[in-house]
């Protein structure tokens, strides 16, 4: 029978894989922070509104899922209904756009 032993090539391969894994693990926070970079920012009535992510609904073309920050406060992803001018929060409650600056900006972005 032949003995199984670790060859030099196999050992170097494992060391390289481990080194790359550690390097990528150290870079993960930097990659995540670049993902949260805003798509679009605008100052309206003295408020800074930034759209962080924006996705159009495939089923209802007037609905958009967006993550928005207003004056640096990041809101979770919410559904914006541009036809009825409503915003559905993450907890399921529905709020009209009446005083929501972010809703008007989200709906304006896809009309361009």
PDB file of N, CA and C in Angstrom:
ATOM      1  N   UNK A   1       0.826  -1.177   0.000  1.00  0.00           N
ATOM      2  CA  UNK A   1       0.000   0.000   0.000  1.00  0.00           C
ATOM      3  C   UNK A   1       0.872   1.242   0.000  1.00  0.00           C
ATOM      4  N   UNK A   2       0.290   2.240  -0.605  1.00  0.00           N
ATOM      5  CA  UNK A   2       0.999   3.502  -0.700  1.00  0.00           C
ATOM      6  C   UNK A   2       0.579   4.425   0.430  1.00  0.00           C
ATOM      7  N   UNK A   3       1.514   5.064   1.060  1.00  0.00           N
ATOM      8  CA  UNK A   3       1.221   5.995   2.143  1.00  0.00           C
ATOM      9  C   UNK A   3       0.777   7.337   1.564  1.00  0.00           C
ATOM     10  N   UNK A   4      -0.206   7.935   2.222  1.00  0.00           N
ATOM     11  CA  UNK A   4      -0.607   9.286   1.828  1.00  0.00           C
ATOM     12  C   UNK A   4       0.262  10.275   2.580  1.00  0.00           C
ATOM     13  N   UNK A   5       0.905  11.146   1.854  1.00  0.00           N
ATOM     14  CA  UNK A   5       1.698  12.182   2.512  1.00  0.00           C
ATOM     15  C   UNK A   5       1.473  13.510   1.791  1.00  0.00           C
ATOM     16  N   UNK A   6       1.633  14.556   2.521  1.00  0.00           N
ATOM     17  CA  UNK A   6       1.448  15.890   1.962  1.00  0.00           C
ATOM     18  C   UNK A   6       2.694  16.267   1.183  1.00  0.00           C
ATOM     19  N   UNK A   7       2.495  16.539  -0.066  1.00  0.00           N
ATOM     20  CA  UNK A   7       3.595  17.000  -0.886  1.00  0.00           C
ATOM     21  C   UNK A   7       3.787  18.493  -0.707  1.00  0.00           C
ATOM     22  N   UNK A   8       4.922  18.954  -1.162  1.00  0.00           N
ATOM     23  CA  UNK A   8       5.242  20.376  -1.036  1.00  0.00           C
ATOM     24  C   UNK A   8       4.264  21.226  -1.835  1.00  0.00           C
ATOM     25  N   UNK A   9       3.879  20.773  -3.021  1.00  0.00           N
ATOM     26  CA  UNK A   9       2.935  21.534  -3.847  1.00  0.00           C
ATOM     27  C   UNK A   9       1.577  21.651  -3.169  1.00  0.00           C
ATOM     28  N   UNK A  10       1.103  20.551  -2.604  1.00  0.00           N
ATOM     29  CA  UNK A  10      -0.197  20.569  -1.946  1.00  0.00           C
ATOM     30  C   UNK A  10      -0.164  21.501  -0.733  1.00  0.00           C
ATOM     31  N   UNK A  11       0.902  21.452   0.021  1.00  0.00           N
ATOM     32  CA  UNK A  11       1.041  22.311   1.191  1.00  0.00           C
ATOM     33  C   UNK A  11       1.081  23.781   0.792  1.00  0.00           C
ATOM     34  N   UNK A  12       1.824  24.108  -0.262  1.00  0.00           N
ATOM     35  CA  UNK A  12       1.880  25.489  -0.732  1.00  0.00           C
ATOM     36  C   UNK A  12       0.526  25.950  -1.263  1.00  0.00           C
ATOM     37  N   UNK A  13      -0.195  25.057  -1.914  1.00  0.00           N
ATOM     38  CA  UNK A  13      -1.536  25.395  -2.408  1.00  0.00           C
ATOM     39  C   UNK A  13      -2.480  25.742  -1.268  1.00  0.00           C
ATOM     40  N   UNK A  14      -2.450  24.961  -0.205  1.00  0.00           N
ATOM     41  CA  UNK A  14      -3.289  25.245   0.950  1.00  0.00           C
ATOM     42  C   UNK A  14      -2.894  26.548   1.630  1.00  0.00           C
ATOM     43  N   UNK A  15      -1.613  26.818   1.703  1.00  0.00           N
ATOM     44  CA  UNK A  15      -1.147  28.063   2.320  1.00  0.00           C
ATOM     45  C   UNK A  15      -1.594  29.264   1.499  1.00  0.00           C
ATOM     46  N   UNK A  16      -1.529  29.142   0.175  1.00  0.00           N
ATOM     47  CA  UNK A  16      -1.962  30.222  -0.704  1.00  0.00           C
ATOM     48  C   UNK A  16      -3.464  30.465  -0.554  1.00  0.00           C
ATOM     49  N   UNK A  17      -4.243  29.404  -0.525  1.00  0.00           N
ATOM     50  CA  UNK A  17      -5.691  29.536  -0.373  1.00  0.00           C
ATOM     51  C   UNK A  17      -6.051  30.177   0.970  1.00  0.00           C
ATOM     52  N   UNK A  18      -5.358  29.764   2.021  1.00  0.00           N
ATOM     53  CA  UNK A  18      -5.604  30.337   3.336  1.00  0.00           C
ATOM     54  C   UNK A  18      -5.227  31.816   3.361  1.00  0.00           C
ATOM     55  N   UNK A  19      -4.113  32.164   2.753  1.00  0.00           N
ATOM     56  CA  UNK A  19      -3.675  33.562   2.700  1.00  0.00           C
ATOM     57  C   UNK A  19      -4.658  34.431   1.928  1.00  0.00           C
ATOM     58  N   UNK A  20      -5.161  33.926   0.786  1.00  0.00           N
ATOM     59  CA  UNK A  20      -6.144  34.684   0.013  1.00  0.00           C
ATOM     60  C   UNK A  20      -7.447  34.848   0.785  1.00  0.00           C
ATOM     61  N   UNK A  21      -7.848  33.807   1.504  1.00  0.00           N
ATOM     62  CA  UNK A  21      -9.067  33.886   2.309  1.00  0.00           C
ATOM     63  C   UNK A  21      -8.961  34.930   3.407  1.00  0.00           C
ATOM     64  N   UNK A  22      -7.807  34.973   4.065  1.00  0.00           N
ATOM     65  CA  UNK A  22      -7.608  35.974   5.117  1.00  0.00           C
ATOM     66  C   UNK A  22      -7.567  37.379   4.531  1.00  0.00           C
ATOM     67  N   UNK A  23      -6.948  37.523   3.374  1.00  0.00           N
ATOM     68  CA  UNK A  23      -6.849  38.834   2.729  1.00  0.00           C
ATOM     69  C   UNK A  23      -8.238  39.329   2.317  1.00  0.00           C
ATOM     70  N   UNK A  24      -9.042  38.455   1.708  1.00  0.00           N
ATOM     71  CA  UNK A  24     -10.387  38.853   1.299  1.00  0.00           C
ATOM     72  C   UNK A  24     -11.276  39.134   2.509  1.00  0.00           C
ATOM     73  N   UNK A  25     -11.061  38.410   3.592  1.00  0.00           N
ATOM     74  CA  UNK A  25     -11.828  38.669   4.812  1.00  0.00           C
ATOM     75  C   UNK A  25     -11.526  40.038   5.389  1.00  0.00           C
ATOM     76  N   UNK A  26     -10.274  40.477   5.257  1.00  0.00           N
ATOM     77  CA  UNK A  26      -9.904  41.800   5.749  1.00  0.00           C
ATOM     78  C   UNK A  26     -10.468  42.899   4.866  1.00  0.00           C
ATOM     79  N   UNK A  27     -10.678  42.607   3.575  1.00  0.00           N
ATOM     80  CA  UNK A  27     -11.190  43.610   2.646  1.00  0.00           C
ATOM     81  C   UNK A  27     -12.715  43.701   2.651  1.00  0.00           C
ATOM     82  N   UNK A  28     -13.404  42.739   3.247  1.00  0.00           N
ATOM     83  CA  UNK A  28     -14.867  42.701   3.209  1.00  0.00           C
ATOM     84  C   UNK A  28     -15.523  43.979   3.745  1.00  0.00           C
ATOM     85  N   UNK A  29     -15.099  44.548   4.886  1.00  0.00           N
ATOM     86  CA  UNK A  29     -15.751  45.785   5.339  1.00  0.00           C
ATOM     87  C   UNK A  29     -15.574  46.944   4.360  1.00  0.00           C
ATOM     88  N   UNK A  30     -14.433  47.021   3.713  1.00  0.00           N
ATOM     89  CA  UNK A  30     -14.219  48.092   2.736  1.00  0.00           C
ATOM     90  C   UNK A  30     -15.128  47.907   1.528  1.00  0.00           C
ATOM     91  N   UNK A  31     -15.357  46.661   1.113  1.00  0.00           N
ATOM     92  CA  UNK A  31     -16.244  46.404  -0.014  1.00  0.00           C
ATOM     93  C   UNK A  31     -17.688  46.708   0.345  1.00  0.00           C
ATOM     94  N   UNK A  32     -18.092  46.400   1.571  1.00  0.00           N
ATOM     95  CA  UNK A  32     -19.458  46.678   1.988  1.00  0.00           C
ATOM     96  C   UNK A  32     -19.731  48.170   2.073  1.00  0.00           C
ATOM     97  N   UNK A  33     -18.765  48.938   2.506  1.00  0.00           N
ATOM     98  CA  UNK A  33     -18.990  50.381   2.602  1.00  0.00           C
ATOM     99  C   UNK A  33     -19.099  51.011   1.229  1.00  0.00           C
ATOM    100  N   UNK A  34     -18.437  50.437   0.222  1.00  0.00           N
ATOM    101  CA  UNK A  34     -18.547  50.995  -1.122  1.00  0.00           C
ATOM    102  C   UNK A  34     -19.902  50.656  -1.738  1.00  0.00           C
ATOM    103  N   UNK A  35     -20.544  49.575  -1.277  1.00  0.00           N
ATOM    104  CA  UNK A  35     -21.861  49.221  -1.779  1.00  0.00           C
ATOM    105  C   UNK A  35     -22.898  50.234  -1.304  1.00  0.00           C
ATOM    106  N   UNK A  36     -22.733  50.781  -0.116  1.00  0.00           N
ATOM    107  CA  UNK A  36     -23.692  51.719   0.447  1.00  0.00           C
ATOM    108  C   UNK A  36     -23.503  53.140  -0.072  1.00  0.00           C
ATOM    109  N   UNK A  37     -22.675  53.324  -1.077  1.00  0.00           N
ATOM    110  CA  UNK A  37     -22.480  54.654  -1.638  1.00  0.00           C
ATOM    111  C   UNK A  37     -23.777  55.104  -2.310  1.00  0.00           C
ATOM    112  N   UNK A  38     -24.138  56.367  -2.181  1.00  0.00           N
ATOM    113  CA  UNK A  38     -25.412  56.832  -2.736  1.00  0.00           C
ATOM    114  C   UNK A  38     -25.418  56.838  -4.261  1.00  0.00           C
ATOM    115  N   UNK A  39     -26.589  56.525  -4.821  1.00  0.00           N
ATOM    116  CA  UNK A  39     -26.798  56.592  -6.265  1.00  0.00           C
ATOM    117  C   UNK A  39     -27.034  58.043  -6.673  1.00  0.00           C
ATOM    118  N   UNK A  40     -27.793  58.747  -5.845  1.00  0.00           N
ATOM    119  CA  UNK A  40     -28.222  60.099  -6.185  1.00  0.00           C
ATOM    120  C   UNK A  40     -28.433  60.878  -4.896  1.00  0.00           C
ATOM    121  N   UNK A  41     -27.954  62.102  -4.839  1.00  0.00           N
ATOM    122  CA  UNK A  41     -28.180  62.976  -3.683  1.00  0.00           C
ATOM    123  C   UNK A  41     -28.699  64.324  -4.157  1.00  0.00           C
ATOM    124  N   UNK A  42     -29.561  64.931  -3.352  1.00  0.00           N
ATOM    125  CA  UNK A  42     -30.116  66.234  -3.685  1.00  0.00           C
ATOM    126  C   UNK A  42     -30.485  66.952  -2.394  1.00  0.00           C
ATOM    127  N   UNK A  43     -30.318  68.254  -2.387  1.00  0.00           N
ATOM    128  CA  UNK A  43     -30.715  69.073  -1.243  1.00  0.00           C
ATOM    129  C   UNK A  43     -32.031  69.753  -1.602  1.00  0.00           C
ATOM    130  N   UNK A  44     -33.075  69.482  -0.776  1.00  0.00           N
ATOM    131  CA  UNK A  44     -34.402  70.045  -1.016  1.00  0.00           C
ATOM    132  C   UNK A  44     -34.884  70.669   0.285  1.00  0.00           C
ATOM    133  N   UNK A  45     -35.227  71.954   0.243  1.00  0.00           N
ATOM    134  CA  UNK A  45     -35.722  72.685   1.421  1.00  0.00           C
ATOM    135  C   UNK A  45     -34.797  72.542   2.626  1.00  0.00           C
ATOM    136  N   UNK A  46     -33.506  72.532   2.396  1.00  0.00           N
ATOM    137  CA  UNK A  46     -32.533  72.439   3.477  1.00  0.00           C
ATOM    138  C   UNK A  46     -32.293  71.023   3.986  1.00  0.00           C
ATOM    139  N   UNK A  47     -32.905  70.016   3.379  1.00  0.00           N
ATOM    140  CA  UNK A  47     -32.724  68.619   3.777  1.00  0.00           C
ATOM    141  C   UNK A  47     -31.905  67.899   2.707  1.00  0.00           C
ATOM    142  N   UNK A  48     -30.917  67.146   3.135  1.00  0.00           N
ATOM    143  CA  UNK A  48     -30.107  66.352   2.226  1.00  0.00           C
ATOM    144  C   UNK A  48     -30.747  64.977   2.062  1.00  0.00           C
ATOM    145  N   UNK A  49     -31.168  64.655   0.839  1.00  0.00           N
ATOM    146  CA  UNK A  49     -31.830  63.380   0.555  1.00  0.00           C
ATOM    147  C   UNK A  49     -30.947  62.591  -0.399  1.00  0.00           C
ATOM    148  N   UNK A  50     -30.562  61.366   0.006  1.00  0.00           N
ATOM    149  CA  UNK A  50     -29.732  60.499  -0.831  1.00  0.00           C
ATOM    150  C   UNK A  50     -30.445  59.174  -1.048  1.00  0.00           C
ATOM    151  N   UNK A  51     -30.478  58.724  -2.299  1.00  0.00           N
ATOM    152  CA  UNK A  51     -31.032  57.418  -2.645  1.00  0.00           C
ATOM    153  C   UNK A  51     -29.869  56.439  -2.652  1.00  0.00           C
ATOM    154  N   UNK A  52     -29.911  55.438  -1.757  1.00  0.00           N
ATOM    155  CA  UNK A  52     -28.815  54.483  -1.614  1.00  0.00           C
ATOM    156  C   UNK A  52     -28.973  53.284  -2.532  1.00  0.00           C
ATOM    157  N   UNK A  53     -30.193  52.800  -2.699  1.00  0.00           N
ATOM    158  CA  UNK A  53     -30.454  51.704  -3.633  1.00  0.00           C
ATOM    159  C   UNK A  53     -31.839  51.912  -4.217  1.00  0.00           C
ATOM    160  N   UNK A  54     -32.014  51.469  -5.461  1.00  0.00           N
ATOM    161  CA  UNK A  54     -33.276  51.695  -6.155  1.00  0.00           C
ATOM    162  C   UNK A  54     -33.542  50.523  -7.076  1.00  0.00           C
ATOM    163  N   UNK A  55     -34.731  49.928  -6.961  1.00  0.00           N
ATOM    164  CA  UNK A  55     -35.085  48.783  -7.791  1.00  0.00           C
ATOM    165  C   UNK A  55     -36.541  48.894  -8.193  1.00  0.00           C
ATOM    166  N   UNK A  56     -36.801  48.761  -9.485  1.00  0.00           N
ATOM    167  CA  UNK A  56     -38.161  48.852  -9.995  1.00  0.00           C
ATOM    168  C   UNK A  56     -38.850  47.495  -9.886  1.00  0.00           C
ATOM    169  N   UNK A  57     -40.142  47.506  -9.557  1.00  0.00           N
ATOM    170  CA  UNK A  57     -40.914  46.272  -9.462  1.00  0.00           C
ATOM    171  C   UNK A  57     -41.166  45.722 -10.860  1.00  0.00           C
ATOM    172  N   UNK A  58     -41.013  44.422 -11.030  1.00  0.00           N
ATOM    173  CA  UNK A  58     -41.266  43.793 -12.323  1.00  0.00           C
ATOM    174  C   UNK A  58     -42.772  43.664 -12.575  1.00  0.00           C
ATOM    175  N   UNK A  59     -43.539  43.485 -11.519  1.00  0.00           N
ATOM    176  CA  UNK A  59     -44.976  43.291 -11.661  1.00  0.00           C
ATOM    177  C   UNK A  59     -45.712  44.619 -11.829  1.00  0.00           C
ATOM    178  N   UNK A  60     -45.415  45.592 -10.987  1.00  0.00           N
ATOM    179  CA  UNK A  60     -46.080  46.902 -11.023  1.00  0.00           C
ATOM    180  C   UNK A  60     -45.031  47.956 -11.349  1.00  0.00           C
ATOM    181  N   UNK A  61     -45.069  48.464 -12.563  1.00  0.00           N
ATOM    182  CA  UNK A  61     -44.021  49.382 -13.004  1.00  0.00           C
ATOM    183  C   UNK A  61     -44.006  50.701 -12.246  1.00  0.00           C
ATOM    184  N   UNK A  62     -45.056  51.012 -11.512  1.00  0.00           N
ATOM    185  CA  UNK A  62     -45.123  52.266 -10.753  1.00  0.00           C
ATOM    186  C   UNK A  62     -44.590  52.117  -9.334  1.00  0.00           C
ATOM    187  N   UNK A  63     -44.143  50.919  -8.954  1.00  0.00           N
ATOM    188  CA  UNK A  63     -43.616  50.685  -7.612  1.00  0.00           C
ATOM    189  C   UNK A  63     -42.101  50.517  -7.648  1.00  0.00           C
ATOM    190  N   UNK A  64     -41.451  51.099  -6.644  1.00  0.00           N
ATOM    191  CA  UNK A  64     -40.000  51.020  -6.533  1.00  0.00           C
ATOM    192  C   UNK A  64     -39.617  50.655  -5.105  1.00  0.00           C
ATOM    193  N   UNK A  65     -38.616  49.790  -4.975  1.00  0.00           N
ATOM    194  CA  UNK A  65     -38.045  49.463  -3.666  1.00  0.00           C
ATOM    195  C   UNK A  65     -36.786  50.304  -3.539  1.00  0.00           C
ATOM    196  N   UNK A  66     -36.730  51.107  -2.506  1.00  0.00           N
ATOM    197  CA  UNK A  66     -35.599  52.019  -2.362  1.00  0.00           C
ATOM    198  C   UNK A  66     -35.166  52.140  -0.907  1.00  0.00           C
ATOM    199  N   UNK A  67     -33.851  52.283  -0.731  1.00  0.00           N
ATOM    200  CA  UNK A  67     -33.282  52.641   0.569  1.00  0.00           C
ATOM    201  C   UNK A  67     -32.848  54.093   0.459  1.00  0.00           C
ATOM    202  N   UNK A  68     -33.308  54.914   1.369  1.00  0.00           N
ATOM    203  CA  UNK A  68     -33.105  56.362   1.293  1.00  0.00           C
ATOM    204  C   UNK A  68     -32.538  56.856   2.619  1.00  0.00           C
ATOM    205  N   UNK A  69     -31.680  57.885   2.542  1.00  0.00           N
ATOM    206  CA  UNK A  69     -31.239  58.551   3.771  1.00  0.00           C
ATOM    207  C   UNK A  69     -31.649  60.018   3.684  1.00  0.00           C
ATOM    208  N   UNK A  70     -32.233  60.512   4.757  1.00  0.00           N
ATOM    209  CA  UNK A  70     -32.646  61.914   4.846  1.00  0.00           C
ATOM    210  C   UNK A  70     -31.858  62.543   5.978  1.00  0.00           C
ATOM    211  N   UNK A  71     -31.064  63.539   5.655  1.00  0.00           N
ATOM    212  CA  UNK A  71     -30.193  64.231   6.620  1.00  0.00           C
ATOM    213  C   UNK A  71     -29.272  63.252   7.349  1.00  0.00           C
ATOM    214  N   UNK A  72     -28.790  62.258   6.640  1.00  0.00           N
ATOM    215  CA  UNK A  72     -27.850  61.297   7.196  1.00  0.00           C
ATOM    216  C   UNK A  72     -28.486  60.137   7.941  1.00  0.00           C
ATOM    217  N   UNK A  73     -29.797  60.157   8.132  1.00  0.00           N
ATOM    218  CA  UNK A  73     -30.501  59.059   8.803  1.00  0.00           C
ATOM    219  C   UNK A  73     -30.970  58.082   7.729  1.00  0.00           C
ATOM    220  N   UNK A  74     -30.435  56.852   7.781  1.00  0.00           N
ATOM    221  CA  UNK A  74     -30.732  55.857   6.756  1.00  0.00           C
ATOM    222  C   UNK A  74     -32.025  55.129   7.099  1.00  0.00           C
ATOM    223  N   UNK A  75     -32.949  55.113   6.142  1.00  0.00           N
ATOM    224  CA  UNK A  75     -34.193  54.366   6.294  1.00  0.00           C
ATOM    225  C   UNK A  75     -33.983  52.966   5.707  1.00  0.00           C
ATOM    226  N   UNK A  76     -34.672  51.969   6.234  1.00  0.00           N
ATOM    227  CA  UNK A  76     -34.580  50.640   5.613  1.00  0.00           C
ATOM    228  C   UNK A  76     -35.268  50.655   4.242  1.00  0.00           C
ATOM    229  N   UNK A  77     -35.129  49.583   3.500  1.00  0.00           N
ATOM    230  CA  UNK A  77     -35.750  49.496   2.174  1.00  0.00           C
ATOM    231  C   UNK A  77     -37.263  49.557   2.328  1.00  0.00           C
ATOM    232  N   UNK A  78     -37.870  50.461   1.560  1.00  0.00           N
ATOM    233  CA  UNK A  78     -39.319  50.657   1.594  1.00  0.00           C
ATOM    234  C   UNK A  78     -39.851  50.611   0.173  1.00  0.00           C
ATOM    235  N   UNK A  79     -41.156  50.324   0.034  1.00  0.00           N
ATOM    236  CA  UNK A  79     -41.797  50.288  -1.280  1.00  0.00           C
ATOM    237  C   UNK A  79     -42.486  51.630  -1.505  1.00  0.00           C
ATOM    238  N   UNK A  80     -42.125  52.287  -2.613  1.00  0.00           N
ATOM    239  CA  UNK A  80     -42.708  53.575  -2.978  1.00  0.00           C
ATOM    240  C   UNK A  80     -43.684  53.355  -4.123  1.00  0.00           C
ATOM    241  N   UNK A  81     -44.970  53.672  -3.899  1.00  0.00           N
ATOM    242  CA  UNK A  81     -46.015  53.540  -4.908  1.00  0.00           C
ATOM    243  C   UNK A  81     -46.199  54.916  -5.548  1.00  0.00           C
ATOM    244  N   UNK A  82     -45.647  55.099  -6.730  1.00  0.00           N
ATOM    245  CA  UNK A  82     -45.659  56.415  -7.371  1.00  0.00           C
ATOM    246  C   UNK A  82     -47.002  56.744  -8.009  1.00  0.00           C
ATOM    247  N   UNK A  83     -47.844  55.764  -8.241  1.00  0.00           N
ATOM    248  CA  UNK A  83     -49.163  56.021  -8.824  1.00  0.00           C
ATOM    249  C   UNK A  83     -50.108  56.601  -7.784  1.00  0.00           C
ATOM    250  N   UNK A  84     -50.158  55.984  -6.601  1.00  0.00           N
ATOM    251  CA  UNK A  84     -51.053  56.443  -5.545  1.00  0.00           C
ATOM    252  C   UNK A  84     -50.366  57.352  -4.534  1.00  0.00           C
ATOM    253  N   UNK A  85     -49.048  57.613  -4.741  1.00  0.00           N
ATOM    254  CA  UNK A  85     -48.251  58.485  -3.877  1.00  0.00           C
ATOM    255  C   UNK A  85     -48.246  57.983  -2.429  1.00  0.00           C
ATOM    256  N   UNK A  86     -47.946  56.670  -2.258  1.00  0.00           N
ATOM    257  CA  UNK A  86     -47.896  56.049  -0.937  1.00  0.00           C
ATOM    258  C   UNK A  86     -46.529  55.403  -0.728  1.00  0.00           C
ATOM    259  N   UNK A  87     -46.141  55.308   0.524  1.00  0.00           N
ATOM    260  CA  UNK A  87     -44.881  54.648   0.896  1.00  0.00           C
ATOM    261  C   UNK A  87     -45.201  53.559   1.902  1.00  0.00           C
ATOM    262  N   UNK A  88     -44.801  52.324   1.583  1.00  0.00           N
ATOM    263  CA  UNK A  88     -45.029  51.217   2.503  1.00  0.00           C
ATOM    264  C   UNK A  88     -43.752  50.963   3.281  1.00  0.00           C
ATOM    265  N   UNK A  89     -43.827  51.130   4.589  1.00  0.00           N
ATOM    266  CA  UNK A  89     -42.661  50.956   5.449  1.00  0.00           C
ATOM    267  C   UNK A  89     -42.313  49.483   5.603  1.00  0.00           C
ATOM    268  N   UNK A  90     -41.175  49.232   6.213  1.00  0.00           N
ATOM    269  CA  UNK A  90     -40.703  47.857   6.420  1.00  0.00           C
ATOM    270  C   UNK A  90     -41.630  47.076   7.351  1.00  0.00           C
ATOM    271  N   UNK A  91     -42.315  47.770   8.260  1.00  0.00           N
ATOM    272  CA  UNK A  91     -43.216  47.076   9.185  1.00  0.00           C
ATOM    273  C   UNK A  91     -44.606  46.844   8.601  1.00  0.00           C
ATOM    274  N   UNK A  92     -44.852  47.294   7.361  1.00  0.00           N
ATOM    275  CA  UNK A  92     -46.115  47.046   6.674  1.00  0.00           C
ATOM    276  C   UNK A  92     -47.089  48.206   6.694  1.00  0.00           C
ATOM    277  N   UNK A  93     -46.825  49.255   7.455  1.00  0.00           N
ATOM    278  CA  UNK A  93     -47.730  50.407   7.487  1.00  0.00           C
ATOM    279  C   UNK A  93     -47.548  51.247   6.223  1.00  0.00           C
ATOM    280  N   UNK A  94     -48.633  51.864   5.789  1.00  0.00           N
ATOM    281  CA  UNK A  94     -48.617  52.687   4.582  1.00  0.00           C
ATOM    282  C   UNK A  94     -48.779  54.143   4.968  1.00  0.00           C
ATOM    283  N   UNK A  95     -47.915  54.994   4.391  1.00  0.00           N
ATOM    284  CA  UNK A  95     -47.894  56.422   4.711  1.00  0.00           C
ATOM    285  C   UNK A  95     -47.976  57.211   3.404  1.00  0.00           C
ATOM    286  N   UNK A  96     -48.802  58.255   3.338  1.00  0.00           N
ATOM    287  CA  UNK A  96     -48.846  59.072   2.121  1.00  0.00           C
ATOM    288  C   UNK A  96     -47.592  59.931   1.965  1.00  0.00           C
ATOM    289  N   UNK A  97     -47.334  60.363   0.734  1.00  0.00           N
ATOM    290  CA  UNK A  97     -46.157  61.180   0.417  1.00  0.00           C
ATOM    291  C   UNK A  97     -46.297  62.616   0.897  1.00  0.00           C
ATOM    292  N   UNK A  98     -47.388  63.042   1.460  1.00  0.00           N
ATOM    293  CA  UNK A  98     -47.721  64.445   1.694  1.00  0.00           C
ATOM    294  C   UNK A  98     -46.524  65.316   2.100  1.00  0.00           C
ATOM    295  N   UNK A  99     -45.766  64.918   3.101  1.00  0.00           N
ATOM    296  CA  UNK A  99     -44.618  65.719   3.535  1.00  0.00           C
ATOM    297  C   UNK A  99     -43.304  64.959   3.362  1.00  0.00           C
ATOM    298  N   UNK A 100     -43.330  63.893   2.591  1.00  0.00           N
ATOM    299  CA  UNK A 100     -42.141  63.069   2.405  1.00  0.00           C
ATOM    300  C   UNK A 100     -41.380  63.529   1.164  1.00  0.00           C
ATOM    301  N   UNK A 101     -40.260  64.157   1.367  1.00  0.00           N
ATOM    302  CA  UNK A 101     -39.435  64.652   0.267  1.00  0.00           C
ATOM    303  C   UNK A 101     -38.833  63.486  -0.509  1.00  0.00           C
ATOM    304  N   UNK A 102     -38.463  62.435   0.208  1.00  0.00           N
ATOM    305  CA  UNK A 102     -37.786  61.297  -0.419  1.00  0.00           C
ATOM    306  C   UNK A 102     -38.677  60.604  -1.437  1.00  0.00           C
ATOM    307  N   UNK A 103     -39.957  60.493  -1.179  1.00  0.00           N
ATOM    308  CA  UNK A 103     -40.873  59.835  -2.112  1.00  0.00           C
ATOM    309  C   UNK A 103     -40.927  60.526  -3.451  1.00  0.00           C
ATOM    310  N   UNK A 104     -40.975  61.849  -3.435  1.00  0.00           N
ATOM    311  CA  UNK A 104     -41.008  62.595  -4.689  1.00  0.00           C
ATOM    312  C   UNK A 104     -39.715  62.416  -5.475  1.00  0.00           C
ATOM    313  N   UNK A 105     -38.593  62.352  -4.777  1.00  0.00           N
ATOM    314  CA  UNK A 105     -37.302  62.177  -5.457  1.00  0.00           C
ATOM    315  C   UNK A 105     -37.179  60.777  -6.046  1.00  0.00           C
ATOM    316  N   UNK A 106     -37.609  59.756  -5.310  1.00  0.00           N
ATOM    317  CA  UNK A 106     -37.554  58.381  -5.822  1.00  0.00           C
ATOM    318  C   UNK A 106     -38.405  58.263  -7.077  1.00  0.00           C
ATOM    319  N   UNK A 107     -39.608  58.809  -7.061  1.00  0.00           N
ATOM    320  CA  UNK A 107     -40.497  58.701  -8.216  1.00  0.00           C
ATOM    321  C   UNK A 107     -39.992  59.532  -9.397  1.00  0.00           C
ATOM    322  N   UNK A 108     -39.300  60.614  -9.126  1.00  0.00           N
ATOM    323  CA  UNK A 108     -38.755  61.457 -10.189  1.00  0.00           C
ATOM    324  C   UNK A 108     -37.573  60.814 -10.905  1.00  0.00           C
ATOM    325  N   UNK A 109     -36.840  59.956 -10.206  1.00  0.00           N
ATOM    326  CA  UNK A 109     -35.620  59.377 -10.782  1.00  0.00           C
ATOM    327  C   UNK A 109     -35.911  58.481 -11.978  1.00  0.00           C
ATOM    328  N   UNK A 110     -36.948  57.668 -11.914  1.00  0.00           N
ATOM    329  CA  UNK A 110     -37.214  56.736 -13.009  1.00  0.00           C
ATOM    330  C   UNK A 110     -37.974  57.361 -14.159  1.00  0.00           C
ATOM    331  N   UNK A 111     -38.474  58.569 -14.009  1.00  0.00           N
ATOM    332  CA  UNK A 111     -39.139  59.244 -15.122  1.00  0.00           C
ATOM    333  C   UNK A 111     -38.122  59.826 -16.105  1.00  0.00           C
ATOM    334  N   UNK A 112     -36.859  59.892 -15.704  1.00  0.00           N
ATOM    335  CA  UNK A 112     -35.814  60.449 -16.561  1.00  0.00           C
ATOM    336  C   UNK A 112     -35.406  59.474 -17.626  1.00  0.00           C
TER     337      UNK A 112
END
